[in-house]
C-alpha cells in the first residue's frame, strides 16, 4: 500500500531551488524541518545527503503524509480500497481499443502474463498507473520507507498528517474518466514522462519540473485541487500543533512545497520562517 502513492508526487510549479528546509520562528522553541520527497525511484538513484541526515537526526518525531506502520488487518482492509467495484475490471470503463492497447503494452513491453494482467485489471485506474511505473523499474526505493526504517532504528516516533484511508479515498473523488485518461497518458508515453520528471527531481531543476507538471495536469483541474491544494491547507493545523510540541522532520511529496498555495507559502503566511538548506 505504501507504493501506490506516486500520484501525490509533483503536482505544481516550483520556485524554490532546494528540497530541504528549516522551520523556525513564530514562538517555536526548537526548529523543525521540511523535506520534499519523490515517493518511488530506481534504487541506484536513491541518495541521502549529509544535510538531510543531520536534519533527520536533530528531530524527535518523523511526520510523513501517512504513518506507514499498519497492522495486518488494516492492510487487508485497505487493499479493498484500490479495487474496482465487485465484478468490474478496467475493460468496463475503457474504450475497447484503449483496453486492448493497455493489455498489449503490459504483455509486450512489461512481459506480464495473461493472468497477471487479468488480476491487475481489477485495480482502479490510478493504482494501475502506479503499478506500471513500479514495474518499469528493476529495483525501486522509497524515501518514505527508508525514513520509516531509520526512525525505527533510531527509536524515533512516527506519525502521519492524515490517515491512509483518507488518502486513498481522495482518488474516489476524481471522476473515473479522469483516472482513465491519465492512465492512457502513462502507457501511451511508454512512461517516458516519469523518466523526465525523475531526471529533473534528481537535478533539482524545479523550474523545468514545474513546467512539465503544469502541462501534464492542466486538463485535470480537479486533480490539483483535490490532491494538492486542499490537502496543503488541511496540514497546517497538525503541523503547527506538532512543531509547538517538539522538533519534527516533515517529509511530503515535493509537489506540495511551492507555489502560492504550497506548504512553504502557507507556513510563511502563518508566521513561520522557512529557510532553504543546501544539501551536501
Protein backbone atom coordinates (compact mmCIF):
# COMPACT_ATOMS: atom_id res chain seq x y z
CA UNK A 1 0.00 0.00 0.00
CA UNK A 2 2.96 2.28 0.60
CA UNK A 3 3.90 2.10 -3.05
CA UNK A 4 0.71 3.36 -4.64
CA UNK A 5 1.09 6.99 -3.66
CA UNK A 6 3.05 8.15 -6.72
CA UNK A 7 0.32 10.46 -7.99
CA UNK A 8 0.73 12.67 -4.94
CA UNK A 9 4.24 13.34 -6.16
CA UNK A 10 4.95 16.54 -8.10
CA UNK A 11 1.79 18.38 -8.99
CA UNK A 12 2.52 22.08 -9.36
CA UNK A 13 5.10 24.65 -10.38
CA UNK A 14 8.14 25.36 -8.23
CA UNK A 15 10.08 28.46 -7.29
CA UNK A 16 12.40 27.02 -4.61
CA UNK A 17 15.80 25.63 -5.61
CA UNK A 18 16.15 23.19 -2.70
CA UNK A 19 14.12 20.33 -1.27
CA UNK A 20 15.20 20.65 2.38
CA UNK A 21 14.06 23.49 4.69
CA UNK A 22 14.28 24.57 8.30
CA UNK A 23 11.14 25.90 10.00
CA UNK A 24 11.61 28.34 12.88
CA UNK A 25 10.13 31.44 14.50
CA UNK A 26 6.52 32.14 15.48
CA UNK A 27 7.16 31.06 19.07
CA UNK A 28 8.84 27.73 18.32
CA UNK A 29 11.40 26.75 20.96
CA UNK A 30 13.27 24.44 18.58
CA UNK A 31 13.46 24.20 14.79
CA UNK A 32 11.62 21.65 12.68
CA UNK A 33 12.43 20.52 9.14
CA UNK A 34 10.59 20.01 5.86
CA UNK A 35 11.74 17.77 3.02
CA UNK A 36 10.19 17.25 -0.42
CA UNK A 37 10.30 13.61 -1.49
CA UNK A 38 9.73 11.61 -4.61
CA UNK A 39 7.70 8.63 -3.48
CA UNK A 40 9.38 5.96 -5.61
CA UNK A 41 12.51 5.96 -7.75
CA UNK A 42 15.11 3.48 -9.03
CA UNK A 43 17.28 2.23 -6.18
CA UNK A 44 20.51 3.26 -7.92
CA UNK A 45 19.27 6.89 -7.95
CA UNK A 46 18.41 6.95 -4.25
CA UNK A 47 20.64 9.08 -2.02
CA UNK A 48 20.53 10.69 1.42
CA UNK A 49 22.64 13.81 1.71
CA UNK A 50 24.58 14.64 4.88
CA UNK A 51 22.39 17.71 5.39
CA UNK A 52 19.29 15.56 5.18
CA UNK A 53 20.69 13.07 7.68
CA UNK A 54 21.54 15.87 10.13
CA UNK A 55 18.02 17.30 9.92
CA UNK A 56 16.59 13.82 10.48
CA UNK A 57 18.86 13.22 13.48
CA UNK A 58 18.01 16.59 15.02
CA UNK A 59 14.27 15.84 15.02
CA UNK A 60 12.46 13.93 17.75
CA UNK A 61 9.49 12.84 15.60
CA UNK A 62 9.20 11.88 11.93
CA UNK A 63 5.96 13.01 10.29
CA UNK A 64 5.04 11.92 6.77
CA UNK A 65 1.84 12.21 4.77
CA UNK A 66 0.71 8.95 6.38
CA UNK A 67 2.14 6.73 9.09
CA UNK A 68 3.37 3.63 7.28
CA UNK A 69 3.09 1.33 10.29
CA UNK A 70 -0.12 -0.67 9.86
CA UNK A 71 -1.46 -3.90 11.26
CA UNK A 72 -2.16 -6.90 9.05
CA UNK A 73 -5.90 -6.32 9.37
CA UNK A 74 -5.52 -2.69 8.31
CA UNK A 75 -3.52 -3.71 5.24
CA UNK A 76 -6.19 -6.20 4.20
CA UNK A 77 -8.96 -3.65 4.65
CA UNK A 78 -7.05 -1.00 2.71
CA UNK A 79 -6.32 -3.42 -0.14
CA UNK A 80 -10.02 -3.44 -0.91
CA UNK A 81 -10.00 0.32 -1.46
CA UNK A 82 -7.77 0.08 -4.52
CA UNK A 83 -10.12 -2.32 -6.30
CA UNK A 84 -12.89 -1.51 -8.73
CA UNK A 85 -16.45 -2.46 -7.69
CA UNK A 86 -17.05 -6.19 -7.36
CA UNK A 87 -17.08 -7.93 -10.74
CA UNK A 88 -15.74 -4.90 -12.62
CA UNK A 89 -12.42 -4.54 -14.46
CA UNK A 90 -10.80 -1.76 -16.46
CA UNK A 91 -12.46 -3.24 -19.50
CA UNK A 92 -15.78 -1.93 -18.20
CA UNK A 93 -14.51 1.67 -18.13
CA UNK A 94 -12.27 1.92 -21.20
CA UNK A 95 -12.95 2.02 -24.90
CA UNK A 96 -12.24 -1.40 -26.46
CA UNK A 97 -9.27 -0.14 -28.47
CA UNK A 98 -7.77 1.57 -25.40
CA UNK A 99 -8.15 -1.54 -23.27
CA UNK A 100 -6.54 -3.68 -25.96
CA UNK A 101 -3.65 -1.23 -26.27
CA UNK A 102 -3.12 -1.28 -22.50
CA UNK A 103 -3.12 -5.07 -22.45
CA UNK A 104 -0.62 -5.28 -25.29
CA UNK A 105 1.65 -2.79 -23.54
CA UNK A 106 1.65 -4.86 -20.34
CA UNK A 107 2.16 -8.17 -22.14
CA UNK A 108 4.71 -6.99 -24.71
CA UNK A 109 6.65 -4.18 -23.02
CA UNK A 110 6.44 -5.26 -19.36
CA UNK A 111 6.37 -9.01 -20.11
CA UNK A 112 3.35 -9.66 -17.93
CA UNK A 113 1.49 -12.95 -18.11
CA UNK A 114 -2.17 -13.01 -19.11
CA UNK A 115 -3.14 -13.98 -15.56
CA UNK A 116 -1.17 -11.11 -14.03
CA UNK A 117 -2.86 -8.63 -16.34
CA UNK A 118 -6.30 -10.04 -15.53
CA UNK A 119 -5.65 -9.71 -11.80
CA UNK A 120 -4.27 -6.20 -12.15
CA UNK A 121 -7.18 -5.09 -14.34
CA UNK A 122 -9.36 -5.17 -11.23
CA UNK A 123 -7.46 -2.17 -9.85
CA UNK A 124 -8.79 1.36 -10.12
CA UNK A 125 -7.04 3.27 -12.94
CA UNK A 126 -4.88 5.46 -10.70
CA UNK A 127 -3.49 2.46 -8.84
CA UNK A 128 -2.94 0.56 -12.08
CA UNK A 129 -0.85 3.52 -13.27
CA UNK A 130 1.30 3.28 -10.15
CA UNK A 131 1.87 -0.43 -10.79
CA UNK A 132 3.00 0.35 -14.34
CA UNK A 133 5.66 2.75 -13.08
CA UNK A 134 6.86 0.34 -10.40
CA UNK A 135 7.07 -2.48 -12.94
CA UNK A 136 9.22 -0.33 -15.22
CA UNK A 137 11.94 -0.32 -12.52
CA UNK A 138 14.11 -3.35 -11.94
CA UNK A 139 14.70 -2.30 -8.33
CA UNK A 140 12.98 0.57 -6.56
CA UNK A 141 13.46 2.68 -3.44
CA UNK A 142 11.23 5.00 -1.45
CA UNK A 143 12.21 7.93 0.75
CA UNK A 144 9.19 7.33 2.95
CA UNK A 145 10.00 3.67 3.52
CA UNK A 146 13.65 4.49 4.21
CA UNK A 147 12.70 7.24 6.67
CA UNK A 148 10.39 4.76 8.40
CA UNK A 149 13.24 2.24 8.75
CA UNK A 150 15.61 4.94 10.01
CA UNK A 151 13.04 6.09 12.58
CA UNK A 152 12.67 2.57 13.96
CA UNK A 153 16.44 2.12 14.14
CA UNK A 154 16.84 5.42 15.98
CA UNK A 155 13.75 4.83 18.15
CA UNK A 156 12.03 7.95 16.84
CA UNK A 157 8.27 8.33 16.89
CA UNK A 158 6.46 8.27 13.52
CA UNK A 159 3.12 9.95 12.77
CA UNK A 160 1.06 10.93 9.75
CA UNK A 161 -0.54 14.20 8.67
CA UNK A 162 -3.54 12.17 7.53
CA UNK A 163 -4.68 8.55 7.52
CA UNK A 164 -4.02 6.31 4.55
CA UNK A 165 -7.75 5.56 4.43
CA UNK A 166 -8.37 9.25 3.84
CA UNK A 167 -5.56 9.46 1.31
CA UNK A 168 -6.79 6.55 -0.77
CA UNK A 169 -10.34 7.85 -0.56
CA UNK A 170 -9.23 11.02 -2.34
CA UNK A 171 -8.90 9.07 -5.57
CA UNK A 172 -12.58 8.20 -5.43
CA UNK A 173 -13.34 11.91 -5.68
CA UNK A 174 -11.73 12.01 -9.12
CA UNK A 175 -14.11 11.22 -12.00
CA UNK A 176 -13.50 7.77 -13.45
CA UNK A 177 -12.92 9.29 -16.89
CA UNK A 178 -10.16 11.49 -15.49
CA UNK A 179 -8.48 8.45 -13.98
CA UNK A 180 -8.78 6.52 -17.25
CA UNK A 181 -7.42 9.42 -19.29
CA UNK A 182 -4.39 9.75 -17.01
CA UNK A 183 -3.75 6.01 -17.23
CA UNK A 184 -3.84 6.27 -21.03
CA UNK A 185 -1.25 9.05 -20.88
CA UNK A 186 1.11 6.77 -18.98
CA UNK A 187 1.19 3.78 -21.28
CA UNK A 188 0.89 5.82 -24.46
CA UNK A 189 4.05 7.71 -23.49
CA UNK A 190 5.75 4.41 -22.54
CA UNK A 191 6.34 6.04 -19.12
CA UNK A 192 8.87 8.46 -20.62
CA UNK A 193 7.17 11.34 -18.80
CA UNK A 194 8.07 9.85 -15.42
CA UNK A 195 11.68 9.40 -16.52
CA UNK A 196 11.85 13.08 -17.47
CA UNK A 197 10.29 14.18 -14.17
CA UNK A 198 12.68 11.97 -12.22
CA UNK A 199 15.68 13.46 -14.01
CA UNK A 200 14.50 16.98 -13.11
CA UNK A 201 13.95 15.99 -9.49
CA UNK A 202 17.41 14.49 -9.14
CA UNK A 203 19.00 17.63 -10.60
CA UNK A 204 16.67 19.84 -8.53
CA UNK A 205 15.72 21.52 -11.82
CA UNK A 206 12.48 22.60 -10.24
CA UNK A 207 11.64 25.26 -12.80
CA UNK A 208 11.57 22.73 -15.66
CA UNK A 209 9.82 20.26 -13.42
CA UNK A 210 7.07 22.76 -12.73
CA UNK A 211 6.54 23.48 -16.41
CA UNK A 212 6.30 19.76 -17.19
CA UNK A 213 3.86 19.03 -14.39
CA UNK A 214 1.68 22.02 -15.21
CA UNK A 215 1.41 20.75 -18.78
CA UNK A 216 0.61 17.23 -17.57
CA UNK A 217 -2.22 18.23 -15.23
CA UNK A 218 -3.61 21.32 -16.98
CA UNK A 219 -6.54 19.33 -18.37
CA UNK A 220 -7.45 17.99 -14.92
CA UNK A 221 -8.04 20.95 -12.54
CA UNK A 222 -9.88 18.70 -10.06
CA UNK A 223 -6.72 16.60 -9.71
CA UNK A 224 -4.64 19.51 -8.43
CA UNK A 225 -7.39 20.88 -6.21
CA UNK A 226 -8.30 17.59 -4.51
CA UNK A 227 -4.87 16.01 -4.24
CA UNK A 228 -2.77 19.09 -3.64
CA UNK A 229 -4.35 22.42 -2.68
CA UNK A 230 -6.98 21.15 -0.24
CA UNK A 231 -4.53 18.84 1.49
CA UNK A 232 -1.84 21.53 1.86
CA UNK A 233 -4.30 23.71 3.72
CA UNK A 234 -5.54 20.87 5.92
CA UNK A 235 -1.95 20.08 7.02
CA UNK A 236 -1.34 23.49 8.60
CA UNK A 237 -3.18 22.77 11.87
CA UNK A 238 -1.50 19.40 12.65
CA UNK A 239 1.91 20.77 11.59
CA UNK A 240 1.52 23.78 13.90
CA UNK A 241 0.47 21.59 16.84
CA UNK A 242 3.32 19.13 16.30
CA UNK A 243 6.01 21.82 15.90
CA UNK A 244 4.90 23.51 19.12
CA UNK A 245 5.27 20.18 20.88
CA UNK A 246 8.75 19.20 19.64
CA UNK A 247 11.24 19.31 16.78
CA UNK A 248 9.73 17.38 13.86
CA UNK A 249 11.00 16.20 10.49
CA UNK A 250 8.19 16.53 7.92
CA UNK A 251 8.53 14.56 4.67
CA UNK A 252 5.90 15.12 1.98
CA UNK A 253 5.78 14.85 -1.81
CA UNK A 254 7.87 17.63 -3.36
CA UNK A 255 4.91 18.92 -5.35
CA UNK A 256 3.32 20.10 -2.12
CA UNK A 257 6.15 22.50 -1.27
CA UNK A 258 5.96 25.53 -3.50
CA UNK A 259 3.59 27.84 -5.30
CA UNK A 260 1.20 30.38 -3.74
CA UNK A 261 -0.83 27.58 -2.13
CA UNK A 262 2.12 25.35 -1.33
CA UNK A 263 3.21 24.28 2.15
CA UNK A 264 6.13 26.73 2.24
CA UNK A 265 3.96 29.74 1.36
CA UNK A 266 1.26 28.65 3.82
CA UNK A 267 3.78 28.23 6.64
CA UNK A 268 5.19 31.68 5.97
CA UNK A 269 1.68 33.14 5.87
CA UNK A 270 1.17 31.62 9.32
CA UNK A 271 4.19 33.49 10.65
CA UNK A 272 6.95 30.90 10.39
CA UNK A 273 10.42 31.45 8.95
CA UNK A 274 11.14 28.81 6.29
CA UNK A 275 14.79 28.71 5.25
CA UNK A 276 16.24 26.58 2.45
CA UNK A 277 19.11 24.28 3.44
CA UNK A 278 21.61 23.40 0.74
CA UNK A 279 22.18 19.67 0.58
CA UNK A 280 25.74 18.37 0.75
